[in-house]
Amino acid sequence: MTYVQISTLNDFVFCPYSIYLHGIYDHMDESLYHAAPQVRGSISHEATDNKSSSTSKDCLLSLPVFSDRLGIIGKIDCFRVTEGHLIERKYLLKKIFRGQLYQIWAQYFCLEEMGYKVSKISFYEISTKKNITVDLPGSAEYLELKSVIEKYNQYSPDDEIETNPNKCIHCIYCPMCDKTDSDNVY
């Protein structure tokens, strides 16, 4: 079985073709295509990746997770075991997009399948130091997530995609994309 990376779910929802372009440029120097928001996000995420964003023994940082049922794999940012609180860290959240919910739902379902009890999920906005709690996913959200993962697995770069100039101008791969004539804002 090929597992879908949880971290790519938001990108897939944003634009399926971006996953293909990411794969092409994956082994190149990120400074060639990463824009300021990606650089800022990577820098702010370093404390989680190197497990220094919390010293609490109750907080599992950068924990690898997977779900055989959904065919997904990834890492969670922080799980406070005693509280059962799953936290996804983002530098800035002007709005929580569906793809970001898919990421945290995927992490939730992985933890549950791995035997952890999750009673609360939230996004932590690093720039404002705010926790934004979201509802726990239920069976309807599970089916929605499963459907997105199935579409992800069936996607081919040759498939027709509907481009959206408002999205394309915010895509770091825009200058390299053969599906749009837009220029990005970076």
C-alpha atoms as a PDB file:
ATOM      1  CA  MET A   1       0.000   0.000   0.000  1.00  0.00           C
ATOM      2  CA  THR A   2       1.198   3.503  -0.826  1.00  0.00           C
ATOM      3  CA  TYR A   3       0.491   5.932   1.991  1.00  0.00           C
ATOM      4  CA  VAL A   4      -0.584   9.529   1.425  1.00  0.00           C
ATOM      5  CA  GLN A   5       1.406  12.118   3.344  1.00  0.00           C
ATOM      6  CA  ILE A   6      -0.930  14.002   5.691  1.00  0.00           C
ATOM      7  CA  SER A   7       1.014  17.210   5.056  1.00  0.00           C
ATOM      8  CA  THR A   8       0.044  17.118   1.362  1.00  0.00           C
ATOM      9  CA  LEU A   9      -3.726  17.011   1.904  1.00  0.00           C
ATOM     10  CA  ASN A  10      -4.094  20.798   2.166  1.00  0.00           C
ATOM     11  CA  ASP A  11      -1.963  21.290  -0.953  1.00  0.00           C
ATOM     12  CA  PHE A  12      -4.013  18.701  -2.849  1.00  0.00           C
ATOM     13  CA  VAL A  13      -7.257  20.493  -2.006  1.00  0.00           C
ATOM     14  CA  PHE A  14      -5.658  23.822  -2.978  1.00  0.00           C
ATOM     15  CA  CYS A  15      -4.543  22.376  -6.333  1.00  0.00           C
ATOM     16  CA  PRO A  16      -3.982  18.689  -7.175  1.00  0.00           C
ATOM     17  CA  TYR A  17      -1.360  19.599  -9.766  1.00  0.00           C
ATOM     18  CA  SER A  18       0.778  21.277  -7.084  1.00  0.00           C
ATOM     19  CA  ILE A  19       1.463  17.807  -5.622  1.00  0.00           C
ATOM     20  CA  TYR A  20       2.921  16.744  -8.958  1.00  0.00           C
ATOM     21  CA  LEU A  21       5.030  19.916  -9.214  1.00  0.00           C
ATOM     22  CA  HIS A  22       6.202  19.491  -5.618  1.00  0.00           C
ATOM     23  CA  GLY A  23       7.414  15.992  -6.497  1.00  0.00           C
ATOM     24  CA  ILE A  24       9.422  17.339  -9.412  1.00  0.00           C
ATOM     25  CA  TYR A  25      11.110  20.053  -7.351  1.00  0.00           C
ATOM     26  CA  ASP A  26      11.349  18.030  -4.126  1.00  0.00           C
ATOM     27  CA  HIS A  27      15.092  17.428  -4.334  1.00  0.00           C
ATOM     28  CA  MET A  28      15.993  20.945  -5.409  1.00  0.00           C
ATOM     29  CA  ASP A  29      17.052  23.825  -3.223  1.00  0.00           C
ATOM     30  CA  GLU A  30      13.819  25.148  -1.684  1.00  0.00           C
ATOM     31  CA  SER A  31      15.067  28.717  -1.968  1.00  0.00           C
ATOM     32  CA  LEU A  32      14.501  28.389  -5.725  1.00  0.00           C
ATOM     33  CA  TYR A  33      10.729  28.106  -5.334  1.00  0.00           C
ATOM     34  CA  HIS A  34       9.700  28.779  -1.723  1.00  0.00           C
ATOM     35  CA  ALA A  35       8.151  32.173  -1.120  1.00  0.00           C
ATOM     36  CA  ALA A  36       8.198  34.237   2.078  1.00  0.00           C
ATOM     37  CA  PRO A  37       5.148  32.497   3.656  1.00  0.00           C
ATOM     38  CA  GLN A  38       6.701  29.032   3.214  1.00  0.00           C
ATOM     39  CA  VAL A  39      10.071  30.194   4.559  1.00  0.00           C
ATOM     40  CA  ARG A  40       8.420  31.829   7.585  1.00  0.00           C
ATOM     41  CA  GLY A  41       6.327  28.701   8.193  1.00  0.00           C
ATOM     42  CA  SER A  42       9.363  26.421   7.971  1.00  0.00           C
ATOM     43  CA  ILE A  43      11.352  28.568  10.378  1.00  0.00           C
ATOM     44  CA  SER A  44       8.508  28.777  12.899  1.00  0.00           C
ATOM     45  CA  HIS A  45       7.972  25.018  12.642  1.00  0.00           C
ATOM     46  CA  GLU A  46      11.601  24.169  13.491  1.00  0.00           C
ATOM     47  CA  ALA A  47      10.903  24.229  17.243  1.00  0.00           C
ATOM     48  CA  THR A  48       8.318  21.476  16.778  1.00  0.00           C
ATOM     49  CA  ASP A  49      10.446  19.439  14.398  1.00  0.00           C
ATOM     50  CA  ASN A  50      13.450  19.489  16.736  1.00  0.00           C
ATOM     51  CA  LYS A  51      11.118  18.923  19.730  1.00  0.00           C
ATOM     52  CA  SER A  52      12.026  22.123  21.584  1.00  0.00           C
ATOM     53  CA  SER A  53       8.663  23.949  21.450  1.00  0.00           C
ATOM     54  CA  SER A  54       7.639  22.377  24.753  1.00  0.00           C
ATOM     55  CA  THR A  55       9.520  20.887  27.689  1.00  0.00           C
ATOM     56  CA  SER A  56       6.450  19.190  29.153  1.00  0.00           C
ATOM     57  CA  LYS A  57       6.852  15.426  29.415  1.00  0.00           C
ATOM     58  CA  ASP A  58       3.112  15.203  28.739  1.00  0.00           C
ATOM     59  CA  CYS A  59       3.497  16.741  25.269  1.00  0.00           C
ATOM     60  CA  LEU A  60       4.426  14.403  22.432  1.00  0.00           C
ATOM     61  CA  LEU A  61       6.108  16.502  19.741  1.00  0.00           C
ATOM     62  CA  SER A  62       6.603  15.586  16.092  1.00  0.00           C
ATOM     63  CA  LEU A  63       5.168  12.121  16.697  1.00  0.00           C
ATOM     64  CA  PRO A  64       4.995   9.885  13.600  1.00  0.00           C
ATOM     65  CA  VAL A  65       1.438   8.668  13.009  1.00  0.00           C
ATOM     66  CA  PHE A  66      -0.308   6.451  10.477  1.00  0.00           C
ATOM     67  CA  SER A  67      -3.643   4.901   9.639  1.00  0.00           C
ATOM     68  CA  ASP A  68      -3.889   1.634   7.754  1.00  0.00           C
ATOM     69  CA  ARG A  69      -7.640   2.143   7.312  1.00  0.00           C
ATOM     70  CA  LEU A  70      -7.195   5.505   5.573  1.00  0.00           C
ATOM     71  CA  GLY A  71      -3.779   4.815   4.017  1.00  0.00           C
ATOM     72  CA  ILE A  72      -2.155   7.944   5.463  1.00  0.00           C
ATOM     73  CA  ILE A  73       1.077   8.712   7.265  1.00  0.00           C
ATOM     74  CA  GLY A  74       2.637  11.812   8.771  1.00  0.00           C
ATOM     75  CA  LYS A  75       3.564  13.580  11.981  1.00  0.00           C
ATOM     76  CA  ILE A  76       1.569  15.468  14.535  1.00  0.00           C
ATOM     77  CA  ASP A  77       2.890  18.736  15.940  1.00  0.00           C
ATOM     78  CA  CYS A  78       1.845  18.274  19.571  1.00  0.00           C
ATOM     79  CA  PHE A  79      -0.329  15.873  21.508  1.00  0.00           C
ATOM     80  CA  ARG A  80      -0.940  16.588  25.174  1.00  0.00           C
ATOM     81  CA  VAL A  81      -1.541  13.038  26.377  1.00  0.00           C
ATOM     82  CA  THR A  82      -3.223  13.732  29.744  1.00  0.00           C
ATOM     83  CA  GLU A  83      -5.699  16.195  28.221  1.00  0.00           C
ATOM     84  CA  GLY A  84      -6.063  14.219  24.996  1.00  0.00           C
ATOM     85  CA  HIS A  85      -5.424  17.519  23.165  1.00  0.00           C
ATOM     86  CA  LEU A  86      -4.131  17.393  19.575  1.00  0.00           C
ATOM     87  CA  ILE A  87      -2.562  20.678  18.424  1.00  0.00           C
ATOM     88  CA  GLU A  88      -1.592  21.638  14.864  1.00  0.00           C
ATOM     89  CA  ARG A  89       0.744  24.642  14.759  1.00  0.00           C
ATOM     90  CA  LYS A  90       0.445  27.240  11.988  1.00  0.00           C
ATOM     91  CA  TYR A  91       2.285  30.530  11.778  1.00  0.00           C
ATOM     92  CA  LEU A  92      -0.732  32.548  10.643  1.00  0.00           C
ATOM     93  CA  LEU A  93      -4.382  31.600  10.206  1.00  0.00           C
ATOM     94  CA  LYS A  94      -6.485  34.297   8.592  1.00  0.00           C
ATOM     95  CA  LYS A  95      -9.040  31.576   7.930  1.00  0.00           C
ATOM     96  CA  ILE A  96      -9.114  27.828   8.499  1.00  0.00           C
ATOM     97  CA  PHE A  97      -9.413  26.184   5.105  1.00  0.00           C
ATOM     98  CA  ARG A  98     -10.971  22.778   4.455  1.00  0.00           C
ATOM     99  CA  GLY A  99      -7.587  21.296   3.550  1.00  0.00           C
ATOM    100  CA  GLN A 100      -6.207  22.344   6.937  1.00  0.00           C
ATOM    101  CA  LEU A 101      -9.148  20.617   8.605  1.00  0.00           C
ATOM    102  CA  TYR A 102      -8.382  17.489   6.568  1.00  0.00           C
ATOM    103  CA  GLN A 103      -4.850  17.553   7.967  1.00  0.00           C
ATOM    104  CA  ILE A 104      -5.928  17.739  11.602  1.00  0.00           C
ATOM    105  CA  TRP A 105      -8.760  15.244  11.061  1.00  0.00           C
ATOM    106  CA  ALA A 106      -6.234  12.845   9.522  1.00  0.00           C
ATOM    107  CA  GLN A 107      -3.966  13.262  12.537  1.00  0.00           C
ATOM    108  CA  TYR A 108      -6.948  12.671  14.843  1.00  0.00           C
ATOM    109  CA  PHE A 109      -7.964   9.447  13.084  1.00  0.00           C
ATOM    110  CA  CYS A 110      -4.349   8.228  13.085  1.00  0.00           C
ATOM    111  CA  LEU A 111      -3.988   8.807  16.817  1.00  0.00           C
ATOM    112  CA  GLU A 112      -7.310   7.110  17.534  1.00  0.00           C
ATOM    113  CA  GLU A 113      -6.339   4.096  15.409  1.00  0.00           C
ATOM    114  CA  MET A 114      -2.983   3.961  17.212  1.00  0.00           C
ATOM    115  CA  GLY A 115      -4.803   3.705  20.563  1.00  0.00           C
ATOM    116  CA  TYR A 116      -4.620   7.297  21.816  1.00  0.00           C
ATOM    117  CA  LYS A 117      -7.729   8.992  23.217  1.00  0.00           C
ATOM    118  CA  VAL A 118      -8.225  12.402  21.620  1.00  0.00           C
ATOM    119  CA  SER A 119     -10.809  14.608  23.319  1.00  0.00           C
ATOM    120  CA  LYS A 120      -9.917  18.014  21.847  1.00  0.00           C
ATOM    121  CA  ILE A 121      -8.293  19.355  18.679  1.00  0.00           C
ATOM    122  CA  SER A 122      -7.096  22.853  17.934  1.00  0.00           C
ATOM    123  CA  PHE A 123      -4.855  24.985  15.791  1.00  0.00           C
ATOM    124  CA  TYR A 124      -2.219  27.064  17.528  1.00  0.00           C
ATOM    125  CA  GLU A 125      -1.497  30.311  15.697  1.00  0.00           C
ATOM    126  CA  ILE A 126       2.161  30.986  16.413  1.00  0.00           C
ATOM    127  CA  SER A 127       2.113  34.660  15.363  1.00  0.00           C
ATOM    128  CA  THR A 128      -0.654  35.559  17.821  1.00  0.00           C
ATOM    129  CA  LYS A 129      -0.134  32.770  20.379  1.00  0.00           C
ATOM    130  CA  LYS A 130      -3.833  31.858  20.100  1.00  0.00           C
ATOM    131  CA  ASN A 131      -5.432  28.423  20.304  1.00  0.00           C
ATOM    132  CA  ILE A 132      -8.369  27.960  17.957  1.00  0.00           C
ATOM    133  CA  THR A 133     -10.435  24.937  18.939  1.00  0.00           C
ATOM    134  CA  VAL A 134     -12.321  23.046  16.235  1.00  0.00           C
ATOM    135  CA  ASP A 135     -14.954  20.338  16.546  1.00  0.00           C
ATOM    136  CA  LEU A 136     -13.846  16.734  16.717  1.00  0.00           C
ATOM    137  CA  PRO A 137     -14.539  14.913  13.454  1.00  0.00           C
ATOM    138  CA  GLY A 138     -17.273  12.281  13.396  1.00  0.00           C
ATOM    139  CA  SER A 139     -18.347   9.644  10.924  1.00  0.00           C
ATOM    140  CA  ALA A 140     -19.410  12.195   8.278  1.00  0.00           C
ATOM    141  CA  GLU A 141     -15.997  13.893   8.424  1.00  0.00           C
ATOM    142  CA  TYR A 142     -14.292  10.481   8.277  1.00  0.00           C
ATOM    143  CA  LEU A 143     -16.159   9.666   5.061  1.00  0.00           C
ATOM    144  CA  GLU A 144     -15.382  13.101   3.605  1.00  0.00           C
ATOM    145  CA  LEU A 145     -11.683  12.686   4.401  1.00  0.00           C
ATOM    146  CA  LYS A 146     -11.684   9.161   2.985  1.00  0.00           C
ATOM    147  CA  SER A 147     -13.232  10.493  -0.242  1.00  0.00           C
ATOM    148  CA  VAL A 148     -10.515  13.156  -0.568  1.00  0.00           C
ATOM    149  CA  ILE A 149      -7.805  10.533  -0.024  1.00  0.00           C
ATOM    150  CA  GLU A 150      -9.390   8.335  -2.716  1.00  0.00           C
ATOM    151  CA  LYS A 151      -9.406  11.291  -5.145  1.00  0.00           C
ATOM    152  CA  TYR A 152      -5.772  11.954  -4.226  1.00  0.00           C
ATOM    153  CA  ASN A 153      -4.847   8.346  -5.033  1.00  0.00           C
ATOM    154  CA  GLN A 154      -6.733   8.432  -8.340  1.00  0.00           C
ATOM    155  CA  TYR A 155      -5.346  11.786  -9.495  1.00  0.00           C
ATOM    156  CA  SER A 156      -3.091  11.914 -12.534  1.00  0.00           C
ATOM    157  CA  PRO A 157      -1.131  15.010 -13.631  1.00  0.00           C
ATOM    158  CA  ASP A 158      -2.684  14.487 -17.049  1.00  0.00           C
ATOM    159  CA  ASP A 159      -6.187  15.044 -15.625  1.00  0.00           C
ATOM    160  CA  GLU A 160      -7.918  18.262 -16.543  1.00  0.00           C
ATOM    161  CA  ILE A 161      -7.964  20.725 -13.677  1.00  0.00           C
ATOM    162  CA  GLU A 162      -9.965  23.854 -13.232  1.00  0.00           C
ATOM    163  CA  THR A 163      -7.529  26.668 -12.602  1.00  0.00           C
ATOM    164  CA  ASN A 164      -8.466  29.558 -10.382  1.00  0.00           C
ATOM    165  CA  PRO A 165      -6.420  32.730 -10.983  1.00  0.00           C
ATOM    166  CA  ASN A 166      -7.069  33.837  -7.382  1.00  0.00           C
ATOM    167  CA  LYS A 167      -5.440  30.645  -6.156  1.00  0.00           C
ATOM    168  CA  CYS A 168      -2.766  30.443  -8.849  1.00  0.00           C
ATOM    169  CA  ILE A 169      -1.280  33.828  -7.925  1.00  0.00           C
ATOM    170  CA  HIS A 170      -0.637  32.448  -4.413  1.00  0.00           C
ATOM    171  CA  CYS A 171       0.940  29.189  -5.585  1.00  0.00           C
ATOM    172  CA  ILE A 172       4.711  28.914  -5.219  1.00  0.00           C
ATOM    173  CA  TYR A 173       4.809  26.659  -8.288  1.00  0.00           C
ATOM    174  CA  CYS A 174       2.933  29.141 -10.474  1.00  0.00           C
ATOM    175  CA  PRO A 175       6.014  30.249 -12.478  1.00  0.00           C
ATOM    176  CA  MET A 176       6.709  26.596 -13.363  1.00  0.00           C
ATOM    177  CA  CYS A 177       3.096  25.535 -13.978  1.00  0.00           C
ATOM    178  CA  ASP A 178       1.946  24.703 -17.497  1.00  0.00           C
ATOM    179  CA  LYS A 179      -1.746  24.879 -16.495  1.00  0.00           C
ATOM    180  CA  THR A 180      -1.946  28.655 -15.985  1.00  0.00           C
ATOM    181  CA  ASP A 181      -0.715  31.897 -17.467  1.00  0.00           C
ATOM    182  CA  SER A 182      -0.905  33.708 -14.133  1.00  0.00           C
ATOM    183  CA  ASP A 183       2.094  35.148 -12.349  1.00  0.00           C
ATOM    184  CA  ASN A 184       2.304  34.707  -8.613  1.00  0.00           C
ATOM    185  CA  VAL A 185       2.473  37.548  -6.114  1.00  0.00           C
ATOM    186  CA  TYR A 186       5.869  36.566  -4.699  1.00  0.00           C
END
